[in-house]
């Protein structure tokens, strides 16, 4: 035990968390051979195997289970020490550790930049996840703060809304519905939808917004990438239900249009979430206060989408009629 390194423990903890060396390598920004070498060296130091393969699945050995408890305790102690040192530095220093749902990566770096302008000594650790990954970050205490749309009900958390989150129906500019106004929601039943994957925040929001109508929608395709969904819509493969905060550049470029559907934009909220018993470091506490006070107007400026809906350009004046002599 005296000869093992902290890096080996970190690699082992990631491998045990994923039970997949490739995913552990992605998380740690290492190659898979590097992960395998670290784990092989660690097992040699301990003199016991840490993983065993039964059929197609990989499991921890009893030695691996014991070492995982040790690794988690050390990670937690290091995190507590890091937080304590950050408190000594105050909000003029320290690190802000925040995780955000994937739709937030369109604007959240600029939110951090706005906060960092007033706190130049703070460094940032930002990670972007799908809903499942973000909930794991919270459950395993891997982040100080999380930004999401639908706070979980089965975790002991504090969830505070800090800004409206509008959802809209988008289409290609050439789509027949793009020329219509006050489109009945029932008209969407005839259109193919390109949707986010089942279980994602956007999928769940779509189910909530459409209610009983959701079962009558034609979900023609499910894609786990918002960018790919937008490209599919541009290509004419269907319409999409998307966060208005993900389409600002596409609207300005003329690649997409927001359909004028009755009852849209649908207004939900962005939430700032943290574990209830979490002792927030000064940087995280300051950022929490910043989002609650300035989050809503800041997002509206950053994403160029008013919370009352997109601002439509006024129609050009009609050409004067020629007078007949």
C-alpha atoms as a PDB file:
ATOM      1  CA  UNK A   1       0.000   0.000   0.000  1.00  0.00           C
ATOM      2  CA  UNK A   2       2.879   2.386   0.704  1.00  0.00           C
ATOM      3  CA  UNK A   3       4.016   2.325  -2.910  1.00  0.00           C
ATOM      4  CA  UNK A   4       0.714   3.081  -4.619  1.00  0.00           C
ATOM      5  CA  UNK A   5       0.190   6.571  -6.022  1.00  0.00           C
ATOM      6  CA  UNK A   6      -2.728   8.980  -5.886  1.00  0.00           C
ATOM      7  CA  UNK A   7      -2.937   8.845  -9.682  1.00  0.00           C
ATOM      8  CA  UNK A   8      -3.340   5.058  -9.564  1.00  0.00           C
ATOM      9  CA  UNK A   9      -6.186   5.445  -7.083  1.00  0.00           C
ATOM     10  CA  UNK A  10      -7.858   8.034  -9.320  1.00  0.00           C
ATOM     11  CA  UNK A  11      -7.597   5.753 -12.339  1.00  0.00           C
ATOM     12  CA  UNK A  12      -8.900   2.804 -10.329  1.00  0.00           C
ATOM     13  CA  UNK A  13     -11.861   4.804  -8.971  1.00  0.00           C
ATOM     14  CA  UNK A  14     -12.838   5.894 -12.496  1.00  0.00           C
ATOM     15  CA  UNK A  15     -12.533   2.337 -13.822  1.00  0.00           C
ATOM     16  CA  UNK A  16     -14.613   1.003 -10.907  1.00  0.00           C
ATOM     17  CA  UNK A  17     -17.228   3.717 -11.447  1.00  0.00           C
ATOM     18  CA  UNK A  18     -17.689   2.902 -15.140  1.00  0.00           C
ATOM     19  CA  UNK A  19     -16.694  -0.780 -15.136  1.00  0.00           C
ATOM     20  CA  UNK A  20     -15.284   0.061 -18.535  1.00  0.00           C
ATOM     21  CA  UNK A  21     -11.647   1.007 -19.163  1.00  0.00           C
ATOM     22  CA  UNK A  22     -12.456   2.965 -22.336  1.00  0.00           C
ATOM     23  CA  UNK A  23     -14.975   5.199 -20.541  1.00  0.00           C
ATOM     24  CA  UNK A  24     -12.558   5.663 -17.654  1.00  0.00           C
ATOM     25  CA  UNK A  25      -9.904   6.725 -20.146  1.00  0.00           C
ATOM     26  CA  UNK A  26     -12.310   9.278 -21.688  1.00  0.00           C
ATOM     27  CA  UNK A  27     -13.144  10.732 -18.265  1.00  0.00           C
ATOM     28  CA  UNK A  28      -9.481  11.051 -17.318  1.00  0.00           C
ATOM     29  CA  UNK A  29      -8.319  12.206 -20.778  1.00  0.00           C
ATOM     30  CA  UNK A  30      -5.969   9.242 -21.027  1.00  0.00           C
ATOM     31  CA  UNK A  31      -5.501   6.493 -23.574  1.00  0.00           C
ATOM     32  CA  UNK A  32      -6.996   3.097 -22.815  1.00  0.00           C
ATOM     33  CA  UNK A  33      -3.522   1.449 -22.750  1.00  0.00           C
ATOM     34  CA  UNK A  34      -2.425   4.036 -20.162  1.00  0.00           C
ATOM     35  CA  UNK A  35      -5.404   3.156 -17.954  1.00  0.00           C
ATOM     36  CA  UNK A  36      -4.717  -0.574 -18.327  1.00  0.00           C
ATOM     37  CA  UNK A  37      -1.047  -0.053 -17.427  1.00  0.00           C
ATOM     38  CA  UNK A  38      -1.894   1.961 -14.306  1.00  0.00           C
ATOM     39  CA  UNK A  39      -4.342  -0.702 -13.127  1.00  0.00           C
ATOM     40  CA  UNK A  40      -1.894  -3.513 -13.856  1.00  0.00           C
ATOM     41  CA  UNK A  41       0.825  -1.741 -11.875  1.00  0.00           C
ATOM     42  CA  UNK A  42      -1.615  -1.103  -9.007  1.00  0.00           C
ATOM     43  CA  UNK A  43      -2.608  -4.782  -8.847  1.00  0.00           C
ATOM     44  CA  UNK A  44       1.092  -5.713  -8.824  1.00  0.00           C
ATOM     45  CA  UNK A  45       1.756  -3.355  -5.890  1.00  0.00           C
ATOM     46  CA  UNK A  46      -1.148  -4.845  -3.927  1.00  0.00           C
ATOM     47  CA  UNK A  47      -0.432  -8.408  -4.935  1.00  0.00           C
ATOM     48  CA  UNK A  48      -4.131  -9.062  -5.595  1.00  0.00           C
ATOM     49  CA  UNK A  49      -6.403  -8.813  -8.660  1.00  0.00           C
ATOM     50  CA  UNK A  50      -8.859  -5.918  -8.567  1.00  0.00           C
ATOM     51  CA  UNK A  51     -11.193  -6.863 -11.426  1.00  0.00           C
ATOM     52  CA  UNK A  52     -12.543 -10.146 -12.701  1.00  0.00           C
ATOM     53  CA  UNK A  53     -14.457 -10.925 -15.864  1.00  0.00           C
ATOM     54  CA  UNK A  54     -17.412 -13.314 -15.784  1.00  0.00           C
ATOM     55  CA  UNK A  55     -19.014 -13.886 -19.153  1.00  0.00           C
ATOM     56  CA  UNK A  56     -19.252 -10.503 -20.832  1.00  0.00           C
ATOM     57  CA  UNK A  57     -19.329  -8.447 -17.636  1.00  0.00           C
ATOM     58  CA  UNK A  58     -16.556  -7.091 -15.424  1.00  0.00           C
ATOM     59  CA  UNK A  59     -16.825  -7.114 -11.642  1.00  0.00           C
ATOM     60  CA  UNK A  60     -14.729  -5.929  -8.711  1.00  0.00           C
ATOM     61  CA  UNK A  61     -12.979  -8.630  -6.712  1.00  0.00           C
ATOM     62  CA  UNK A  62     -13.196  -8.504  -2.892  1.00  0.00           C
ATOM     63  CA  UNK A  63      -9.843  -6.698  -2.944  1.00  0.00           C
ATOM     64  CA  UNK A  64     -11.246  -4.253  -5.486  1.00  0.00           C
ATOM     65  CA  UNK A  65     -14.309  -3.562  -3.317  1.00  0.00           C
ATOM     66  CA  UNK A  66     -12.065  -2.847  -0.337  1.00  0.00           C
ATOM     67  CA  UNK A  67      -9.783  -0.556  -2.331  1.00  0.00           C
ATOM     68  CA  UNK A  68     -12.777   1.326  -3.783  1.00  0.00           C
ATOM     69  CA  UNK A  69     -13.941   2.264  -0.283  1.00  0.00           C
ATOM     70  CA  UNK A  70     -10.431   3.517   0.468  1.00  0.00           C
ATOM     71  CA  UNK A  71     -10.266   5.487  -2.801  1.00  0.00           C
ATOM     72  CA  UNK A  72     -13.630   7.159  -2.158  1.00  0.00           C
ATOM     73  CA  UNK A  73     -12.609   8.134   1.372  1.00  0.00           C
ATOM     74  CA  UNK A  74      -9.369   9.652   0.095  1.00  0.00           C
ATOM     75  CA  UNK A  75     -11.178  11.520  -2.726  1.00  0.00           C
ATOM     76  CA  UNK A  76     -13.682  12.935  -0.229  1.00  0.00           C
ATOM     77  CA  UNK A  77     -10.946  13.985   2.171  1.00  0.00           C
ATOM     78  CA  UNK A  78      -9.031  15.708  -0.615  1.00  0.00           C
ATOM     79  CA  UNK A  79     -12.221  17.490  -1.692  1.00  0.00           C
ATOM     80  CA  UNK A  80     -12.877  18.669   1.871  1.00  0.00           C
ATOM     81  CA  UNK A  81      -9.299  19.920   2.116  1.00  0.00           C
ATOM     82  CA  UNK A  82      -9.640  21.728  -1.204  1.00  0.00           C
ATOM     83  CA  UNK A  83     -12.874  23.361   0.006  1.00  0.00           C
ATOM     84  CA  UNK A  84     -11.244  24.366   3.303  1.00  0.00           C
ATOM     85  CA  UNK A  85      -8.311  25.962   1.496  1.00  0.00           C
ATOM     86  CA  UNK A  86     -10.723  27.770  -0.819  1.00  0.00           C
ATOM     87  CA  UNK A  87     -12.544  29.162   2.216  1.00  0.00           C
ATOM     88  CA  UNK A  88      -9.255  30.499   3.536  1.00  0.00           C
ATOM     89  CA  UNK A  89      -8.752  32.265   0.217  1.00  0.00           C
ATOM     90  CA  UNK A  90     -12.286  33.688   0.212  1.00  0.00           C
ATOM     91  CA  UNK A  91     -14.186  34.647  -2.942  1.00  0.00           C
ATOM     92  CA  UNK A  92     -11.097  36.350  -4.354  1.00  0.00           C
ATOM     93  CA  UNK A  93      -9.728  32.868  -5.067  1.00  0.00           C
ATOM     94  CA  UNK A  94     -10.611  29.209  -5.054  1.00  0.00           C
ATOM     95  CA  UNK A  95     -12.257  27.028  -7.665  1.00  0.00           C
ATOM     96  CA  UNK A  96     -15.881  26.945  -8.794  1.00  0.00           C
ATOM     97  CA  UNK A  97     -16.943  23.392  -9.622  1.00  0.00           C
ATOM     98  CA  UNK A  98     -20.203  23.366 -11.569  1.00  0.00           C
ATOM     99  CA  UNK A  99     -21.951  20.825 -13.802  1.00  0.00           C
ATOM    100  CA  UNK A 100     -24.597  21.724 -16.377  1.00  0.00           C
ATOM    101  CA  UNK A 101     -27.128  19.848 -18.485  1.00  0.00           C
ATOM    102  CA  UNK A 102     -26.195  19.606 -22.162  1.00  0.00           C
ATOM    103  CA  UNK A 103     -28.549  22.400 -23.326  1.00  0.00           C
ATOM    104  CA  UNK A 104     -26.629  24.775 -21.075  1.00  0.00           C
ATOM    105  CA  UNK A 105     -23.368  24.459 -22.967  1.00  0.00           C
ATOM    106  CA  UNK A 106     -24.745  26.974 -25.501  1.00  0.00           C
ATOM    107  CA  UNK A 107     -24.581  29.835 -23.005  1.00  0.00           C
ATOM    108  CA  UNK A 108     -23.099  28.734 -19.687  1.00  0.00           C
ATOM    109  CA  UNK A 109     -19.429  29.499 -20.457  1.00  0.00           C
ATOM    110  CA  UNK A 110     -20.491  33.116 -21.019  1.00  0.00           C
ATOM    111  CA  UNK A 111     -22.334  33.115 -17.686  1.00  0.00           C
ATOM    112  CA  UNK A 112     -19.124  31.962 -16.009  1.00  0.00           C
ATOM    113  CA  UNK A 113     -17.187  34.651 -17.879  1.00  0.00           C
ATOM    114  CA  UNK A 114     -19.575  37.327 -16.584  1.00  0.00           C
ATOM    115  CA  UNK A 115     -19.138  36.051 -13.029  1.00  0.00           C
ATOM    116  CA  UNK A 116     -15.383  35.712 -13.462  1.00  0.00           C
ATOM    117  CA  UNK A 117     -15.089  39.332 -14.568  1.00  0.00           C
ATOM    118  CA  UNK A 118     -15.972  40.365 -11.000  1.00  0.00           C
ATOM    119  CA  UNK A 119     -13.955  37.535  -9.401  1.00  0.00           C
ATOM    120  CA  UNK A 120     -10.720  37.309 -11.411  1.00  0.00           C
ATOM    121  CA  UNK A 121      -8.975  35.072  -8.866  1.00  0.00           C
ATOM    122  CA  UNK A 122     -11.471  32.211  -9.218  1.00  0.00           C
ATOM    123  CA  UNK A 123     -10.749  29.239 -11.479  1.00  0.00           C
ATOM    124  CA  UNK A 124     -13.480  27.125 -13.030  1.00  0.00           C
ATOM    125  CA  UNK A 125     -14.227  23.455 -13.494  1.00  0.00           C
ATOM    126  CA  UNK A 126     -17.206  23.095 -15.833  1.00  0.00           C
ATOM    127  CA  UNK A 127     -18.547  19.726 -16.971  1.00  0.00           C
ATOM    128  CA  UNK A 128     -21.457  19.124 -19.365  1.00  0.00           C
ATOM    129  CA  UNK A 129     -23.656  16.035 -19.048  1.00  0.00           C
ATOM    130  CA  UNK A 130     -26.883  14.445 -20.140  1.00  0.00           C
ATOM    131  CA  UNK A 131     -29.475  14.074 -17.387  1.00  0.00           C
ATOM    132  CA  UNK A 132     -28.194  10.696 -16.206  1.00  0.00           C
ATOM    133  CA  UNK A 133     -24.632  11.945 -15.960  1.00  0.00           C
ATOM    134  CA  UNK A 134     -25.651  15.115 -14.150  1.00  0.00           C
ATOM    135  CA  UNK A 135     -27.641  13.198 -11.547  1.00  0.00           C
ATOM    136  CA  UNK A 136     -24.612  10.974 -10.979  1.00  0.00           C
ATOM    137  CA  UNK A 137     -22.492  14.069 -10.384  1.00  0.00           C
ATOM    138  CA  UNK A 138     -24.918  15.138  -7.661  1.00  0.00           C
ATOM    139  CA  UNK A 139     -25.408  11.713  -6.112  1.00  0.00           C
ATOM    140  CA  UNK A 140     -21.658  11.060  -5.861  1.00  0.00           C
ATOM    141  CA  UNK A 141     -20.847  14.592  -4.651  1.00  0.00           C
ATOM    142  CA  UNK A 142     -18.615  15.232  -7.672  1.00  0.00           C
ATOM    143  CA  UNK A 143     -19.806  18.808  -8.196  1.00  0.00           C
ATOM    144  CA  UNK A 144     -20.629  21.759  -5.937  1.00  0.00           C
ATOM    145  CA  UNK A 145     -23.482  23.082  -8.074  1.00  0.00           C
ATOM    146  CA  UNK A 146     -25.584  21.709 -10.912  1.00  0.00           C
ATOM    147  CA  UNK A 147     -27.674  23.614 -13.462  1.00  0.00           C
ATOM    148  CA  UNK A 148     -30.621  21.749 -14.923  1.00  0.00           C
ATOM    149  CA  UNK A 149     -34.267  21.923 -15.943  1.00  0.00           C
ATOM    150  CA  UNK A 150     -35.922  19.166 -13.941  1.00  0.00           C
ATOM    151  CA  UNK A 151     -34.533  18.701 -10.405  1.00  0.00           C
ATOM    152  CA  UNK A 152     -34.684  15.090  -9.180  1.00  0.00           C
ATOM    153  CA  UNK A 153     -37.277  14.155  -6.591  1.00  0.00           C
ATOM    154  CA  UNK A 154     -35.377  11.238  -5.085  1.00  0.00           C
ATOM    155  CA  UNK A 155     -32.291  13.143  -3.870  1.00  0.00           C
ATOM    156  CA  UNK A 156     -31.977  15.352  -0.787  1.00  0.00           C
ATOM    157  CA  UNK A 157     -31.253  18.587  -2.616  1.00  0.00           C
ATOM    158  CA  UNK A 158     -31.876  22.311  -2.700  1.00  0.00           C
ATOM    159  CA  UNK A 159     -33.329  23.386  -6.086  1.00  0.00           C
ATOM    160  CA  UNK A 160     -33.749  27.101  -6.807  1.00  0.00           C
ATOM    161  CA  UNK A 161     -35.214  28.514 -10.053  1.00  0.00           C
ATOM    162  CA  UNK A 162     -33.057  31.359 -11.331  1.00  0.00           C
ATOM    163  CA  UNK A 163     -34.286  32.064 -14.884  1.00  0.00           C
ATOM    164  CA  UNK A 164     -37.154  31.223 -17.235  1.00  0.00           C
ATOM    165  CA  UNK A 165     -36.395  28.518 -19.784  1.00  0.00           C
ATOM    166  CA  UNK A 166     -38.576  28.800 -22.900  1.00  0.00           C
ATOM    167  CA  UNK A 167     -39.096  25.900 -25.294  1.00  0.00           C
ATOM    168  CA  UNK A 168     -40.164  26.402 -28.898  1.00  0.00           C
ATOM    169  CA  UNK A 169     -41.043  24.443 -32.029  1.00  0.00           C
ATOM    170  CA  UNK A 170     -38.489  24.985 -34.793  1.00  0.00           C
ATOM    171  CA  UNK A 171     -38.543  24.155 -38.491  1.00  0.00           C
ATOM    172  CA  UNK A 172     -36.598  24.834 -41.644  1.00  0.00           C
ATOM    173  CA  UNK A 173     -37.433  28.241 -43.208  1.00  0.00           C
ATOM    174  CA  UNK A 174     -38.915  26.439 -46.228  1.00  0.00           C
ATOM    175  CA  UNK A 175     -41.362  24.398 -44.122  1.00  0.00           C
ATOM    176  CA  UNK A 176     -45.038  25.084 -45.038  1.00  0.00           C
ATOM    177  CA  UNK A 177     -45.914  25.895 -41.413  1.00  0.00           C
ATOM    178  CA  UNK A 178     -43.283  28.639 -41.320  1.00  0.00           C
ATOM    179  CA  UNK A 179     -45.618  30.927 -43.260  1.00  0.00           C
ATOM    180  CA  UNK A 180     -48.572  30.464 -40.904  1.00  0.00           C
ATOM    181  CA  UNK A 181     -49.548  32.286 -37.713  1.00  0.00           C
ATOM    182  CA  UNK A 182     -51.323  30.954 -34.620  1.00  0.00           C
ATOM    183  CA  UNK A 183     -50.884  27.340 -35.673  1.00  0.00           C
ATOM    184  CA  UNK A 184     -53.196  25.037 -33.663  1.00  0.00           C
ATOM    185  CA  UNK A 185     -51.256  22.564 -31.556  1.00  0.00           C
ATOM    186  CA  UNK A 186     -53.262  19.725 -33.071  1.00  0.00           C
ATOM    187  CA  UNK A 187     -51.751  20.566 -36.463  1.00  0.00           C
ATOM    188  CA  UNK A 188     -48.421  19.317 -35.123  1.00  0.00           C
ATOM    189  CA  UNK A 189     -49.799  15.773 -34.878  1.00  0.00           C
ATOM    190  CA  UNK A 190     -49.363  15.430 -38.651  1.00  0.00           C
ATOM    191  CA  UNK A 191     -45.708  16.510 -38.609  1.00  0.00           C
ATOM    192  CA  UNK A 192     -42.681  14.233 -38.090  1.00  0.00           C
ATOM    193  CA  UNK A 193     -40.689  15.258 -35.000  1.00  0.00           C
ATOM    194  CA  UNK A 194     -36.949  14.945 -34.592  1.00  0.00           C
ATOM    195  CA  UNK A 195     -36.629  14.614 -30.813  1.00  0.00           C
ATOM    196  CA  UNK A 196     -34.025  14.215 -28.108  1.00  0.00           C
ATOM    197  CA  UNK A 197     -33.508  10.727 -26.698  1.00  0.00           C
ATOM    198  CA  UNK A 198     -35.912   9.128 -24.250  1.00  0.00           C
ATOM    199  CA  UNK A 199     -35.155  10.152 -20.660  1.00  0.00           C
ATOM    200  CA  UNK A 200     -33.331  13.380 -21.509  1.00  0.00           C
ATOM    201  CA  UNK A 201     -34.429  16.656 -19.939  1.00  0.00           C
ATOM    202  CA  UNK A 202     -35.712  17.898 -23.301  1.00  0.00           C
ATOM    203  CA  UNK A 203     -37.705  14.697 -23.855  1.00  0.00           C
ATOM    204  CA  UNK A 204     -39.276  14.942 -20.402  1.00  0.00           C
ATOM    205  CA  UNK A 205     -40.051  18.636 -20.898  1.00  0.00           C
ATOM    206  CA  UNK A 206     -41.692  17.815 -24.229  1.00  0.00           C
ATOM    207  CA  UNK A 207     -43.875  15.197 -22.528  1.00  0.00           C
ATOM    208  CA  UNK A 208     -44.895  17.698 -19.853  1.00  0.00           C
ATOM    209  CA  UNK A 209     -45.664  20.523 -22.280  1.00  0.00           C
ATOM    210  CA  UNK A 210     -47.754  18.416 -24.676  1.00  0.00           C
ATOM    211  CA  UNK A 211     -49.474  16.396 -21.963  1.00  0.00           C
ATOM    212  CA  UNK A 212     -51.993  13.909 -23.349  1.00  0.00           C
ATOM    213  CA  UNK A 213     -51.263  15.118 -26.876  1.00  0.00           C
ATOM    214  CA  UNK A 214     -47.737  13.718 -26.618  1.00  0.00           C
ATOM    215  CA  UNK A 215     -48.885  10.176 -27.412  1.00  0.00           C
ATOM    216  CA  UNK A 216     -50.398  11.433 -30.691  1.00  0.00           C
ATOM    217  CA  UNK A 217     -47.199  13.095 -31.910  1.00  0.00           C
ATOM    218  CA  UNK A 218     -45.201  11.442 -34.674  1.00  0.00           C
ATOM    219  CA  UNK A 219     -41.721  10.956 -33.179  1.00  0.00           C
ATOM    220  CA  UNK A 220     -39.948  10.034 -36.399  1.00  0.00           C
ATOM    221  CA  UNK A 221     -36.406  10.086 -35.025  1.00  0.00           C
ATOM    222  CA  UNK A 222     -34.620  10.336 -31.667  1.00  0.00           C
ATOM    223  CA  UNK A 223     -31.127  11.843 -31.505  1.00  0.00           C
ATOM    224  CA  UNK A 224     -28.951  12.416 -28.435  1.00  0.00           C
ATOM    225  CA  UNK A 225     -27.325  15.583 -29.833  1.00  0.00           C
ATOM    226  CA  UNK A 226     -29.109  18.939 -30.055  1.00  0.00           C
ATOM    227  CA  UNK A 227     -26.744  20.041 -32.823  1.00  0.00           C
ATOM    228  CA  UNK A 228     -27.566  16.958 -34.897  1.00  0.00           C
ATOM    229  CA  UNK A 229     -31.282  17.548 -34.344  1.00  0.00           C
ATOM    230  CA  UNK A 230     -30.931  21.069 -35.691  1.00  0.00           C
ATOM    231  CA  UNK A 231     -29.091  19.803 -38.762  1.00  0.00           C
ATOM    232  CA  UNK A 232     -31.831  17.220 -39.349  1.00  0.00           C
ATOM    233  CA  UNK A 233     -34.472  19.955 -39.157  1.00  0.00           C
ATOM    234  CA  UNK A 234     -32.484  22.160 -41.548  1.00  0.00           C
ATOM    235  CA  UNK A 235     -32.336  19.187 -43.938  1.00  0.00           C
ATOM    236  CA  UNK A 236     -36.138  18.981 -43.893  1.00  0.00           C
ATOM    237  CA  UNK A 237     -36.437  15.733 -41.924  1.00  0.00           C
ATOM    238  CA  UNK A 238     -39.022  17.166 -39.543  1.00  0.00           C
ATOM    239  CA  UNK A 239     -39.706  19.761 -36.880  1.00  0.00           C
ATOM    240  CA  UNK A 240     -38.303  19.802 -33.340  1.00  0.00           C
ATOM    241  CA  UNK A 241     -39.115  20.802 -29.777  1.00  0.00           C
ATOM    242  CA  UNK A 242     -35.991  22.574 -28.482  1.00  0.00           C
ATOM    243  CA  UNK A 243     -34.807  24.941 -25.814  1.00  0.00           C
ATOM    244  CA  UNK A 244     -34.918  28.499 -27.116  1.00  0.00           C
ATOM    245  CA  UNK A 245     -31.518  28.956 -25.495  1.00  0.00           C
ATOM    246  CA  UNK A 246     -29.926  26.586 -28.005  1.00  0.00           C
ATOM    247  CA  UNK A 247     -31.039  28.226 -31.263  1.00  0.00           C
ATOM    248  CA  UNK A 248     -29.988  31.874 -31.083  1.00  0.00           C
ATOM    249  CA  UNK A 249     -27.192  31.618 -33.660  1.00  0.00           C
ATOM    250  CA  UNK A 250     -29.361  29.500 -35.977  1.00  0.00           C
ATOM    251  CA  UNK A 251     -32.157  32.084 -35.938  1.00  0.00           C
ATOM    252  CA  UNK A 252     -29.784  34.935 -36.721  1.00  0.00           C
ATOM    253  CA  UNK A 253     -28.168  32.918 -39.506  1.00  0.00           C
ATOM    254  CA  UNK A 254     -31.575  32.118 -40.983  1.00  0.00           C
ATOM    255  CA  UNK A 255     -31.056  28.349 -40.735  1.00  0.00           C
ATOM    256  CA  UNK A 256     -34.113  27.800 -38.523  1.00  0.00           C
ATOM    257  CA  UNK A 257     -37.380  29.553 -37.778  1.00  0.00           C
ATOM    258  CA  UNK A 258     -39.575  29.420 -34.684  1.00  0.00           C
ATOM    259  CA  UNK A 259     -43.073  28.300 -35.578  1.00  0.00           C
ATOM    260  CA  UNK A 260     -45.909  30.456 -34.263  1.00  0.00           C
ATOM    261  CA  UNK A 261     -47.726  27.651 -32.432  1.00  0.00           C
ATOM    262  CA  UNK A 262     -50.526  28.375 -29.982  1.00  0.00           C
ATOM    263  CA  UNK A 263     -49.300  28.063 -26.399  1.00  0.00           C
ATOM    264  CA  UNK A 264     -45.637  28.520 -27.322  1.00  0.00           C
ATOM    265  CA  UNK A 265     -43.054  29.435 -26.197  1.00  0.00           C
ATOM    266  CA  UNK A 266     -43.669  27.005 -23.346  1.00  0.00           C
ATOM    267  CA  UNK A 267     -42.130  28.414 -20.180  1.00  0.00           C
ATOM    268  CA  UNK A 268     -40.237  26.179 -17.773  1.00  0.00           C
ATOM    269  CA  UNK A 269     -37.326  27.177 -15.524  1.00  0.00           C
ATOM    270  CA  UNK A 270     -33.597  26.780 -15.136  1.00  0.00           C
ATOM    271  CA  UNK A 271     -32.709  25.490 -11.665  1.00  0.00           C
ATOM    272  CA  UNK A 272     -29.568  25.777  -9.594  1.00  0.00           C
ATOM    273  CA  UNK A 273     -29.202  22.572  -7.573  1.00  0.00           C
ATOM    274  CA  UNK A 274     -26.905  21.362  -4.811  1.00  0.00           C
ATOM    275  CA  UNK A 275     -26.994  18.683  -2.138  1.00  0.00           C
ATOM    276  CA  UNK A 276     -28.862  19.928   0.936  1.00  0.00           C
ATOM    277  CA  UNK A 277     -26.061  19.081   3.342  1.00  0.00           C
ATOM    278  CA  UNK A 278     -23.368  20.455   1.031  1.00  0.00           C
ATOM    279  CA  UNK A 279     -21.046  23.009   2.599  1.00  0.00           C
ATOM    280  CA  UNK A 280     -20.614  25.341  -0.342  1.00  0.00           C
ATOM    281  CA  UNK A 281     -17.124  26.818  -0.768  1.00  0.00           C
ATOM    282  CA  UNK A 282     -17.054  30.644  -0.922  1.00  0.00           C
ATOM    283  CA  UNK A 283     -16.714  30.635  -4.726  1.00  0.00           C
ATOM    284  CA  UNK A 284     -19.788  28.409  -5.109  1.00  0.00           C
ATOM    285  CA  UNK A 285     -21.793  30.438  -2.569  1.00  0.00           C
ATOM    286  CA  UNK A 286     -20.924  33.652  -4.415  1.00  0.00           C
ATOM    287  CA  UNK A 287     -21.890  32.140  -7.765  1.00  0.00           C
ATOM    288  CA  UNK A 288     -25.182  30.916  -6.319  1.00  0.00           C
ATOM    289  CA  UNK A 289     -26.015  34.447  -5.192  1.00  0.00           C
ATOM    290  CA  UNK A 290     -24.924  35.816  -8.583  1.00  0.00           C
ATOM    291  CA  UNK A 291     -27.241  33.477 -10.520  1.00  0.00           C
ATOM    292  CA  UNK A 292     -30.239  34.127  -8.269  1.00  0.00           C
ATOM    293  CA  UNK A 293     -29.865  37.888  -8.620  1.00  0.00           C
ATOM    294  CA  UNK A 294     -28.630  38.292 -12.203  1.00  0.00           C
ATOM    295  CA  UNK A 295     -29.295  35.002 -13.972  1.00  0.00           C
ATOM    296  CA  UNK A 296     -32.575  35.863 -15.699  1.00  0.00           C
ATOM    297  CA  UNK A 297     -31.592  39.194 -17.321  1.00  0.00           C
ATOM    298  CA  UNK A 298     -28.128  37.863 -18.130  1.00  0.00           C
ATOM    299  CA  UNK A 299     -29.515  34.842 -20.010  1.00  0.00           C
ATOM    300  CA  UNK A 300     -31.917  37.006 -21.965  1.00  0.00           C
ATOM    301  CA  UNK A 301     -29.023  39.184 -23.128  1.00  0.00           C
ATOM    302  CA  UNK A 302     -26.762  36.241 -23.926  1.00  0.00           C
ATOM    303  CA  UNK A 303     -29.159  34.083 -25.919  1.00  0.00           C
ATOM    304  CA  UNK A 304     -30.994  36.900 -27.740  1.00  0.00           C
ATOM    305  CA  UNK A 305     -34.381  35.389 -27.002  1.00  0.00           C
ATOM    306  CA  UNK A 306     -36.845  37.362 -24.918  1.00  0.00           C
ATOM    307  CA  UNK A 307     -38.839  35.397 -22.382  1.00  0.00           C
ATOM    308  CA  UNK A 308     -42.003  36.568 -24.060  1.00  0.00           C
ATOM    309  CA  UNK A 309     -40.911  34.853 -27.265  1.00  0.00           C
ATOM    310  CA  UNK A 310     -38.866  35.715 -30.318  1.00  0.00           C
ATOM    311  CA  UNK A 311     -39.062  39.243 -31.577  1.00  0.00           C
ATOM    312  CA  UNK A 312     -40.412  39.143 -35.099  1.00  0.00           C
ATOM    313  CA  UNK A 313     -39.206  41.607 -37.672  1.00  0.00           C
ATOM    314  CA  UNK A 314     -41.921  43.992 -38.787  1.00  0.00           C
ATOM    315  CA  UNK A 315     -43.266  43.314 -42.257  1.00  0.00           C
ATOM    316  CA  UNK A 316     -41.880  45.678 -44.903  1.00  0.00           C
ATOM    317  CA  UNK A 317     -44.293  48.401 -46.047  1.00  0.00           C
ATOM    318  CA  UNK A 318     -46.393  47.533 -49.041  1.00  0.00           C
ATOM    319  CA  UNK A 319     -45.237  48.982 -52.324  1.00  0.00           C
ATOM    320  CA  UNK A 320     -47.335  51.979 -53.455  1.00  0.00           C
ATOM    321  CA  UNK A 321     -49.933  51.151 -56.034  1.00  0.00           C
ATOM    322  CA  UNK A 322     -49.452  52.750 -59.404  1.00  0.00           C
ATOM    323  CA  UNK A 323     -52.204  55.151 -60.384  1.00  0.00           C
ATOM    324  CA  UNK A 324     -53.962  54.597 -63.637  1.00  0.00           C
ATOM    325  CA  UNK A 325     -54.413  57.642 -65.783  1.00  0.00           C
END
